[in-house]
C-alpha atoms as a PDB file:
ATOM      1  CA  MET A   1    -115.249  63.761  20.750  1.00  0.00           C
ATOM      2  CA  MET A   2    -111.912  64.289  22.813  1.00  0.00           C
ATOM      3  CA  VAL A   3    -109.727  67.687  21.460  1.00  0.00           C
ATOM      4  CA  TRP A   4    -106.209  67.513  22.234  1.00  0.00           C
ATOM      5  CA  GLU A   5    -104.083  70.460  23.171  1.00  0.00           C
ATOM      6  CA  TYR A   6    -100.328  70.038  21.608  1.00  0.00           C
ATOM      7  CA  LYS A   7     -96.835  71.974  23.105  1.00  0.00           C
ATOM      8  CA  VAL A   8     -93.335  71.343  21.551  1.00  0.00           C
ATOM      9  CA  THR A   9     -90.540  72.051  23.886  1.00  0.00           C
ATOM     10  CA  ASN A  10     -86.665  72.271  23.855  1.00  0.00           C
ATOM     11  CA  HIS A  11     -84.543  71.235  26.693  1.00  0.00           C
ATOM     12  CA  VAL A  12     -80.432  71.675  26.922  1.00  0.00           C
ATOM     13  CA  ILE A  13     -79.456  69.267  29.728  1.00  0.00           C
ATOM     14  CA  GLU A  14     -76.000  69.899  30.450  1.00  0.00           C
ATOM     15  CA  GLU A  15     -76.038  66.432  32.764  1.00  0.00           C
ATOM     16  CA  LEU A  16     -76.644  64.334  29.459  1.00  0.00           C
ATOM     17  CA  LYS A  17     -74.315  65.908  27.229  1.00  0.00           C
ATOM     18  CA  LYS A  18     -71.649  64.406  29.568  1.00  0.00           C
ATOM     19  CA  CYS A  19     -72.422  61.001  28.808  1.00  0.00           C
ATOM     20  CA  VAL A  20     -70.586  61.223  25.511  1.00  0.00           C
ATOM     21  CA  ASP A  21     -67.215  61.035  27.494  1.00  0.00           C
ATOM     22  CA  SER A  22     -68.367  58.936  30.586  1.00  0.00           C
ATOM     23  CA  PRO A  23     -66.326  55.983  30.868  1.00  0.00           C
ATOM     24  CA  ASP A  24     -69.792  54.530  31.556  1.00  0.00           C
ATOM     25  CA  THR A  25     -71.197  54.927  28.248  1.00  0.00           C
ATOM     26  CA  LYS A  26     -72.383  51.711  26.331  1.00  0.00           C
ATOM     27  CA  LYS A  27     -73.029  52.004  23.210  1.00  0.00           C
ATOM     28  CA  THR A  28     -76.046  49.390  22.466  1.00  0.00           C
ATOM     29  CA  ILE A  29     -77.729  48.457  18.661  1.00  0.00           C
ATOM     30  CA  ALA A  30     -81.515  47.974  18.564  1.00  0.00           C
ATOM     31  CA  CYS A  31     -83.250  46.819  15.492  1.00  0.00           C
ATOM     32  CA  ASP A  32     -86.651  45.977  14.764  1.00  0.00           C
ATOM     33  CA  GLU A  33     -88.568  43.901  12.687  1.00  0.00           C
ATOM     34  CA  ALA A  34     -88.188  45.946   9.504  1.00  0.00           C
ATOM     35  CA  GLY A  35     -84.272  46.177  10.259  1.00  0.00           C
ATOM     36  CA  LYS A  36     -83.954  49.333  11.104  1.00  0.00           C
ATOM     37  CA  CYS A  37     -81.299  49.886  13.593  1.00  0.00           C
ATOM     38  CA  MET A  38     -80.076  52.871  15.998  1.00  0.00           C
ATOM     39  CA  VAL A  39     -76.912  53.710  17.993  1.00  0.00           C
ATOM     40  CA  ASN A  40     -77.138  54.752  21.245  1.00  0.00           C
ATOM     41  CA  ASP A  41     -75.927  55.865  23.799  1.00  0.00           C
ATOM     42  CA  VAL A  42     -77.030  55.209  27.368  1.00  0.00           C
ATOM     43  CA  CYS A  43     -75.474  55.991  30.365  1.00  0.00           C
ATOM     44  CA  LYS A  44     -76.433  56.754  34.200  1.00  0.00           C
ATOM     45  CA  ILE A  45     -75.264  60.432  34.181  1.00  0.00           C
ATOM     46  CA  GLY A  46     -78.426  63.060  33.921  1.00  0.00           C
ATOM     47  CA  THR A  47     -81.327  60.738  34.617  1.00  0.00           C
ATOM     48  CA  GLU A  48     -82.794  63.067  37.632  1.00  0.00           C
ATOM     49  CA  ALA A  49     -82.512  65.638  35.329  1.00  0.00           C
ATOM     50  CA  LEU A  50     -84.333  64.787  32.782  1.00  0.00           C
ATOM     51  CA  ALA A  51     -87.071  63.044  35.261  1.00  0.00           C
ATOM     52  CA  SER A  52     -87.244  66.901  36.433  1.00  0.00           C
ATOM     53  CA  VAL A  53     -87.783  68.237  33.453  1.00  0.00           C
ATOM     54  CA  LEU A  54     -90.952  65.165  32.706  1.00  0.00           C
ATOM     55  CA  ASN A  55     -92.066  65.718  35.548  1.00  0.00           C
ATOM     56  CA  GLU A  56     -91.979  69.637  36.029  1.00  0.00           C
ATOM     57  CA  LEU A  57     -94.803  69.500  33.053  1.00  0.00           C
ATOM     58  CA  GLY A  58     -96.217  66.471  33.568  1.00  0.00           C
ATOM     59  CA  LYS A  59     -97.787  68.345  36.819  1.00  0.00           C
ATOM     60  CA  GLU A  60     -99.973  70.379  34.563  1.00  0.00           C
ATOM     61  CA  ARG A  61    -101.541  67.532  32.830  1.00  0.00           C
ATOM     62  CA  TRP A  62     -99.406  66.815  29.832  1.00  0.00           C
ATOM     63  CA  GLU A  63     -98.416  63.746  28.452  1.00  0.00           C
ATOM     64  CA  LEU A  64     -95.354  63.440  26.369  1.00  0.00           C
ATOM     65  CA  ILE A  65     -95.805  61.594  23.270  1.00  0.00           C
ATOM     66  CA  MET A  66     -92.359  61.911  21.459  1.00  0.00           C
ATOM     67  CA  THR A  67     -89.133  62.732  22.090  1.00  0.00           C
ATOM     68  CA  ASN A  68     -85.715  63.040  20.675  1.00  0.00           C
ATOM     69  CA  TYR A  69     -82.351  63.950  21.931  1.00  0.00           C
ATOM     70  CA  HIS A  70     -79.467  65.316  19.445  1.00  0.00           C
ATOM     71  CA  HIS A  71     -76.574  67.140  19.900  1.00  0.00           C
ATOM     72  CA  GLY A  72     -77.549  68.426  23.490  1.00  0.00           C
ATOM     73  CA  VAL A  73     -80.916  69.188  22.614  1.00  0.00           C
ATOM     74  CA  MET A  74     -84.162  67.111  23.724  1.00  0.00           C
ATOM     75  CA  LEU A  75     -87.162  68.133  21.465  1.00  0.00           C
ATOM     76  CA  CYS A  76     -90.306  66.705  22.768  1.00  0.00           C
ATOM     77  CA  ILE A  77     -93.644  66.897  21.720  1.00  0.00           C
ATOM     78  CA  TRP A  78     -96.525  66.383  24.499  1.00  0.00           C
ATOM     79  CA  LYS A  79    -100.213  66.248  24.300  1.00  0.00           C
ATOM     80  CA  ARG A  80    -103.351  67.126  26.924  1.00  0.00           C
ATOM     81  CA  PRO A  81    -106.781  67.239  26.576  1.00  0.00           C
ATOM     82  CA  GLU A  82    -108.091  70.966  25.474  1.00  0.00           C
ATOM     83  CA  GLU A  83    -110.104  72.614  28.413  1.00  0.00           C
ATOM     84  CA  LYS A  84    -113.549  73.477  27.557  1.00  0.00           C
ATOM     85  CA  GLN A  85    -114.463  77.294  27.311  1.00  0.00           C
END
């Protein structure tokens, strides 16, 4: 049976905050089959900074299983197989 280890991290990514005022920001609306819709701001600013955060923990074998971005802070939930002792 696989046993998982979990980790929760918070990241302030200043580059992503710049998306709010960027002229390149585009509003997108995505809806699911149940009719729930979300509005997202999409821009290219900060993608390298975001990738850097994800790659840093990925190198330690952490797999990102959930993320949420709100008010300039990205919350990430990670998992990896627990090492046998």
